[in-house]
N, C-alpha and C. Protein backbone atom coordinates (compact mmCIF):
# COMPACT_ATOMS: atom_id res chain seq x y z
N MET A 1 155.25 82.11 157.61
CA MET A 1 153.60 81.55 158.60
C MET A 1 152.77 80.68 157.68
N SER A 2 152.39 80.74 156.61
CA SER A 2 152.37 79.70 156.05
C SER A 2 152.32 78.33 155.85
N ALA A 3 154.09 78.09 156.23
CA ALA A 3 154.75 77.03 155.92
C ALA A 3 154.74 76.40 157.41
N SER A 4 154.79 77.10 158.58
CA SER A 4 154.43 76.46 160.12
C SER A 4 152.78 76.19 160.03
N ILE A 5 152.09 77.06 159.21
CA ILE A 5 150.34 76.30 159.83
C ILE A 5 150.27 75.25 159.03
N LYS A 6 151.02 75.01 158.18
CA LYS A 6 150.68 73.32 157.10
C LYS A 6 151.36 72.81 157.85
N GLU A 7 152.75 72.92 159.03
CA GLU A 7 153.02 71.97 159.51
C GLU A 7 152.21 71.66 160.54
N ILE A 8 151.88 72.63 161.14
CA ILE A 8 150.72 72.49 162.18
C ILE A 8 149.61 71.47 161.95
N VAL A 9 148.90 71.74 161.02
CA VAL A 9 147.83 70.80 160.14
C VAL A 9 148.20 69.53 159.98
N LYS A 10 149.86 69.30 159.49
CA LYS A 10 150.25 67.92 159.24
C LYS A 10 150.16 67.40 160.39
N LYS A 11 150.82 68.04 161.50
CA LYS A 11 151.08 67.53 163.21
C LYS A 11 149.50 67.00 163.87
N ILE A 12 148.45 67.60 163.41
CA ILE A 12 147.20 67.08 164.02
C ILE A 12 146.63 66.07 163.25
N LYS A 13 147.10 66.06 161.45
CA LYS A 13 146.12 65.45 161.36
C LYS A 13 146.94 63.62 161.19
N HIS A 14 148.32 64.23 161.40
CA HIS A 14 149.20 62.82 162.03
C HIS A 14 148.51 62.36 163.30
N PHE A 15 148.67 62.78 164.03
CA PHE A 15 147.86 62.47 165.49
C PHE A 15 146.89 61.82 165.30
N TYR A 16 145.55 62.76 164.71
CA TYR A 16 144.31 62.02 164.96
C TYR A 16 144.41 60.34 164.33
N THR A 17 145.20 60.56 163.20
CA THR A 17 145.39 59.59 162.31
C THR A 17 145.56 58.59 162.93
N ASN A 18 146.62 58.27 163.46
CA ASN A 18 146.90 57.28 164.86
C ASN A 18 146.45 57.22 166.27
N LEU A 19 145.60 58.28 166.76
CA LEU A 19 144.86 57.92 168.00
C LEU A 19 144.07 56.54 167.91
N PRO A 20 143.44 56.14 167.13
CA PRO A 20 142.66 54.79 167.53
C PRO A 20 143.99 53.73 167.93
N ASP A 21 145.13 53.46 167.09
CA ASP A 21 146.02 52.68 167.70
C ASP A 21 146.65 53.29 169.29
N LYS A 22 146.96 54.20 168.95
CA LYS A 22 147.24 54.66 170.31
C LYS A 22 146.17 54.52 171.58
N LEU A 23 144.69 54.50 171.20
CA LEU A 23 143.63 55.18 172.61
C LEU A 23 143.66 52.75 172.77
N PHE A 24 143.74 52.30 171.81
CA PHE A 24 144.01 50.84 171.66
C PHE A 24 145.07 50.34 172.97
N MET A 25 146.19 50.67 172.86
CA MET A 25 147.04 50.61 173.28
C MET A 25 146.94 51.02 174.89
N ILE A 26 146.21 52.44 174.92
CA ILE A 26 146.13 52.96 176.50
C ILE A 26 144.96 51.90 176.94
N ILE A 27 143.81 52.00 176.42
CA ILE A 27 142.70 50.44 176.85
C ILE A 27 143.55 49.47 177.53
N VAL A 28 144.53 49.05 176.49
CA VAL A 28 145.39 47.59 176.62
C VAL A 28 145.30 47.45 178.23
N LEU A 29 146.27 48.48 178.21
CA LEU A 29 146.87 48.58 179.59
C LEU A 29 146.64 49.09 180.77
N ILE A 30 145.62 49.53 180.20
CA ILE A 30 144.58 49.75 181.91
C ILE A 30 143.83 48.73 182.28
N LEU A 31 143.32 47.99 181.10
CA LEU A 31 142.55 46.96 181.24
C LEU A 31 143.11 45.26 182.20
N VAL A 32 145.00 45.36 181.83
CA VAL A 32 145.95 44.34 182.31
C VAL A 32 146.23 44.93 183.46
N GLY A 33 146.25 46.35 183.64
CA GLY A 33 146.41 46.62 185.25
C GLY A 33 145.84 46.28 185.92
N PHE A 34 144.05 46.49 185.86
CA PHE A 34 142.96 46.25 186.79
C PHE A 34 142.80 44.89 186.68
N SER A 35 143.24 44.18 185.95
CA SER A 35 142.72 42.72 185.74
C SER A 35 144.06 42.11 186.97
N SER A 36 145.01 42.29 187.02
CA SER A 36 146.38 42.45 187.92
C SER A 36 145.95 43.03 189.13
N PHE A 37 145.82 43.47 189.23
CA PHE A 37 145.57 43.85 190.80
C PHE A 37 144.31 42.97 190.81
N GLY A 38 143.08 43.04 190.17
CA GLY A 38 142.08 42.07 190.59
C GLY A 38 142.87 41.08 191.46
N LEU A 39 143.37 39.73 190.25
CA LEU A 39 143.72 38.59 190.68
C LEU A 39 144.31 38.50 191.76
N GLY A 40 145.19 39.52 192.17
CA GLY A 40 146.46 39.47 193.35
C GLY A 40 145.42 39.29 194.43
N ARG A 41 143.85 40.25 194.62
CA ARG A 41 143.48 41.03 195.93
C ARG A 41 142.64 39.48 195.62
N LEU A 42 142.23 38.40 194.84
CA LEU A 42 141.73 37.35 195.22
C LEU A 42 142.39 36.83 195.30
N SER A 43 143.81 36.22 195.11
CA SER A 43 144.51 35.55 195.79
C SER A 43 144.95 35.38 197.07
N LEU A 44 144.82 36.69 198.08
CA LEU A 44 144.64 37.39 198.97
C LEU A 44 143.46 37.13 199.59
N LEU A 45 142.38 37.31 199.06
CA LEU A 45 141.37 36.47 199.86
C LEU A 45 141.36 34.76 199.88
N ASP A 46 141.63 34.34 199.07
CA ASP A 46 142.16 32.50 199.57
C ASP A 46 143.10 32.70 200.58
N GLN A 47 143.85 33.16 200.68
CA GLN A 47 144.69 32.74 201.84
C GLN A 47 144.46 33.35 203.26
N ASN A 48 143.31 34.22 203.27
CA ASN A 48 142.87 34.40 204.66
C ASN A 48 141.39 33.74 204.80
N LYS A 49 140.92 33.06 203.61
CA LYS A 49 139.70 32.20 204.26
C LYS A 49 139.50 30.98 205.40
N GLN A 50 138.44 31.38 206.45
CA GLN A 50 138.45 30.14 207.08
C GLN A 50 137.97 28.71 206.84
N HIS A 51 138.51 27.83 207.29
CA HIS A 51 137.93 26.72 206.65
C HIS A 51 136.51 26.87 207.20
N VAL A 52 135.60 25.77 206.67
CA VAL A 52 134.45 25.49 207.21
C VAL A 52 134.41 23.90 208.02
N SER A 53 134.03 24.09 209.53
CA SER A 53 133.39 23.01 209.92
C SER A 53 132.06 23.05 210.41
N LEU A 54 131.87 21.79 210.40
CA LEU A 54 130.05 21.15 210.54
C LEU A 54 129.77 20.85 211.51
N THR A 55 128.78 21.37 213.05
CA THR A 55 128.40 20.89 214.28
C THR A 55 127.48 20.51 213.84
N TYR A 56 126.69 18.78 214.62
CA TYR A 56 125.51 18.81 214.74
C TYR A 56 124.96 18.97 215.82
N ASN A 57 123.77 19.15 216.16
CA ASN A 57 122.86 19.32 217.22
C ASN A 57 122.61 17.88 217.84
N THR A 58 122.92 17.69 218.52
CA THR A 58 122.59 16.51 219.14
C THR A 58 121.39 16.31 220.39
N ASP A 59 121.24 17.76 221.09
CA ASP A 59 120.36 17.86 222.04
C ASP A 59 118.81 17.42 221.84
N ILE A 60 118.55 17.12 220.66
CA ILE A 60 116.99 16.64 220.47
C ILE A 60 116.99 15.51 219.74
N GLY A 61 118.40 14.65 220.27
CA GLY A 61 118.20 12.68 219.89
C GLY A 61 118.61 12.89 218.12
N MET A 62 118.84 13.51 217.56
CA MET A 62 118.97 12.92 216.14
C MET A 62 120.90 12.92 215.83
N MET A 63 120.66 11.95 215.65
CA MET A 63 122.49 12.00 214.74
C MET A 63 122.51 12.61 213.54
N PRO A 64 123.43 12.80 212.93
CA PRO A 64 123.67 13.68 211.70
C PRO A 64 123.82 12.68 210.53
N ASN A 65 123.94 11.26 210.78
CA ASN A 65 123.12 10.67 209.66
C ASN A 65 121.81 9.43 209.48
N GLN A 66 121.23 10.09 210.78
CA GLN A 66 119.90 9.83 210.92
C GLN A 66 118.88 10.17 209.99
N ASP A 67 118.24 8.86 209.54
CA ASP A 67 117.36 9.70 208.19
C ASP A 67 115.88 10.48 209.29
N ILE A 68 115.71 11.62 208.95
CA ILE A 68 114.96 12.10 209.49
C ILE A 68 113.35 12.40 208.71
N GLU A 69 113.32 12.14 207.67
CA GLU A 69 112.24 12.49 207.03
C GLU A 69 110.99 12.01 207.54
N GLY A 70 109.95 12.34 207.76
CA GLY A 70 109.14 11.59 208.46
C GLY A 70 108.68 11.44 209.13
N ALA A 71 109.90 11.25 210.03
CA ALA A 71 109.66 11.24 211.59
C ALA A 71 109.42 12.25 212.41
N VAL A 72 108.62 12.06 213.35
CA VAL A 72 108.37 12.87 214.69
C VAL A 72 108.84 12.30 215.75
N VAL A 73 108.78 13.53 216.95
CA VAL A 73 109.45 12.91 218.30
C VAL A 73 107.95 12.85 219.03
N VAL A 74 108.05 12.46 220.31
CA VAL A 74 106.77 12.67 220.79
C VAL A 74 107.23 12.52 222.92
N SER A 75 106.78 13.21 223.57
CA SER A 75 107.06 13.36 224.95
C SER A 75 106.54 12.33 225.45
N LYS A 76 106.98 10.87 226.35
CA LYS A 76 106.76 10.11 226.49
C LYS A 76 105.23 10.35 227.78
N ARG A 77 105.50 12.05 228.46
CA ARG A 77 104.28 12.08 229.28
C ARG A 77 103.30 12.98 228.91
N GLY A 78 103.50 13.28 227.13
CA GLY A 78 102.88 14.27 226.25
C GLY A 78 102.36 14.26 225.74
N THR A 79 101.03 14.44 224.86
CA THR A 79 99.81 13.93 223.69
C THR A 79 100.11 15.04 222.55
N LYS A 80 101.32 15.09 222.27
CA LYS A 80 101.80 16.26 220.64
C LYS A 80 102.98 15.60 220.20
N TYR A 81 102.91 15.18 218.76
CA TYR A 81 103.54 14.96 218.28
C TYR A 81 104.53 16.34 217.88
N HIS A 82 105.78 16.36 217.34
CA HIS A 82 106.57 17.57 216.80
C HIS A 82 107.89 16.99 215.68
N TYR A 83 108.22 17.63 214.69
CA TYR A 83 108.98 17.67 213.90
C TYR A 83 110.28 17.46 215.42
N PRO A 84 111.41 16.98 214.49
CA PRO A 84 112.60 17.00 215.47
C PRO A 84 113.00 18.64 215.61
N TRP A 85 113.25 19.31 214.38
CA TRP A 85 113.29 20.66 214.64
C TRP A 85 112.61 21.88 215.50
N CYS A 86 112.01 21.20 215.65
CA CYS A 86 110.25 22.35 216.17
C CYS A 86 111.20 23.04 218.12
N SER A 87 110.81 23.71 218.16
CA SER A 87 110.92 24.01 219.12
C SER A 87 110.53 23.73 220.49
N GLY A 88 109.15 23.02 220.19
CA GLY A 88 108.61 21.85 221.35
C GLY A 88 109.33 21.00 221.75
N ALA A 89 110.10 19.96 220.40
CA ALA A 89 111.11 18.87 220.62
C ALA A 89 111.93 19.08 221.16
N ARG A 90 112.56 20.43 220.98
CA ARG A 90 113.91 20.98 222.06
C ARG A 90 113.93 20.64 223.51
N ARG A 91 112.59 20.82 223.41
CA ARG A 91 112.32 21.19 225.29
C ARG A 91 111.92 20.03 226.07
N ILE A 92 112.10 19.04 225.35
CA ILE A 92 111.48 17.25 225.88
C ILE A 92 112.82 16.91 226.11
N SER A 93 112.97 16.38 227.12
CA SER A 93 114.38 15.93 227.66
C SER A 93 114.56 14.53 226.46
N ALA A 94 115.95 14.16 226.92
CA ALA A 94 116.23 12.77 225.88
C ALA A 94 115.40 11.68 226.42
N SER A 95 115.64 11.90 227.31
CA SER A 95 115.41 10.68 228.12
C SER A 95 113.84 10.46 228.24
N ASN A 96 112.69 11.51 228.02
CA ASN A 96 111.35 11.50 227.74
C ASN A 96 111.11 11.35 226.09
N LYS A 97 112.25 11.25 225.27
CA LYS A 97 111.51 11.60 223.94
C LYS A 97 111.62 9.82 223.88
N ARG A 98 110.65 10.06 222.56
CA ARG A 98 109.96 8.70 221.86
C ARG A 98 109.64 9.16 220.46
N TRP A 99 110.46 7.95 219.71
CA TRP A 99 110.29 8.29 218.11
C TRP A 99 109.55 7.73 217.56
N PHE A 100 108.96 8.38 216.06
CA PHE A 100 108.00 7.24 215.49
C PHE A 100 108.95 7.51 214.11
N SER A 101 108.21 6.67 213.17
CA SER A 101 108.70 6.75 211.78
C SER A 101 108.18 7.52 210.88
N SER A 102 106.96 7.73 211.54
CA SER A 102 106.35 8.15 210.15
C SER A 102 105.00 9.69 211.10
N ILE A 103 103.93 10.31 210.58
CA ILE A 103 102.87 11.06 211.12
C ILE A 103 101.74 10.03 211.89
N GLU A 104 101.57 9.22 210.61
CA GLU A 104 100.91 8.60 210.95
C GLU A 104 100.52 7.12 211.77
N SER A 105 102.16 7.11 212.24
CA SER A 105 102.52 5.77 213.53
C SER A 105 102.01 6.47 215.00
N ALA A 106 102.18 7.99 214.74
CA ALA A 106 102.20 8.86 215.74
C ALA A 106 100.90 9.13 216.01
N LYS A 107 99.72 9.37 214.73
CA LYS A 107 98.20 9.30 215.10
C LYS A 107 97.57 7.80 215.62
N ARG A 108 98.23 7.07 215.23
CA ARG A 108 97.96 5.49 215.58
C ARG A 108 97.78 5.65 217.20
N ALA A 109 99.03 6.00 217.74
CA ALA A 109 99.28 5.97 218.92
C ALA A 109 98.45 6.99 219.70
N GLY A 110 98.06 7.58 219.21
CA GLY A 110 96.93 8.66 219.93
C GLY A 110 97.33 9.53 220.58
N TYR A 111 99.07 10.54 219.40
CA TYR A 111 99.08 11.81 219.86
C TYR A 111 98.69 12.90 218.54
N THR A 112 98.56 13.77 219.19
CA THR A 112 97.87 14.94 217.96
C THR A 112 99.06 15.75 217.26
N PRO A 113 98.98 16.82 216.09
CA PRO A 113 100.28 17.57 215.96
C PRO A 113 100.17 18.76 216.88
N ALA A 114 101.38 19.47 217.03
CA ALA A 114 101.51 20.11 218.05
C ALA A 114 101.13 21.21 217.16
N ASN A 115 100.77 22.63 217.76
CA ASN A 115 100.44 23.50 217.53
C ASN A 115 101.47 24.57 216.59
N ASN A 116 102.26 24.35 218.01
CA ASN A 116 103.66 25.03 217.35
C ASN A 116 104.57 25.29 216.27
N CYS A 117 104.30 24.02 215.23
CA CYS A 117 105.27 23.19 214.95
C CYS A 117 104.73 23.41 213.15
N LYS A 118 104.95 24.49 212.64
CA LYS A 118 104.81 24.88 211.60
C LYS A 118 104.83 23.26 210.62
N GLY A 119 104.10 23.15 209.40
CA GLY A 119 103.33 21.97 208.43
C GLY A 119 102.93 20.89 209.41
N LEU A 120 102.69 21.11 210.41
CA LEU A 120 101.98 20.11 211.03
C LEU A 120 100.71 19.42 211.32
N LYS A 121 99.67 18.94 210.59
CA LYS A 121 98.36 19.23 210.39
C LYS A 121 97.70 17.65 210.51
């Protein structure tokens, strides 16, 4: 019986001395499996991606390449100036729009800032 206990202790000791190597291999295999799964998912996401297309809102009288920095729009029949992206500017019909290159030039022409455009003073 003492021989079998010695053998059991020897087997347990051998198991625990090789345990770090076994754990390292198990962890490596798990990480390789997860990374392979993740890369497979990423490749599927790229195939299902929709292409981006840009459209420009031309109903406010601006073309996409037009420089709008400092530009304001007024109505020929109104007294207020607006930034092109303000709701008031969008309500002005294209035939009634008048453009100024700066706020100062709109002020010199007698126009005042619109109350509903944030940032105009």
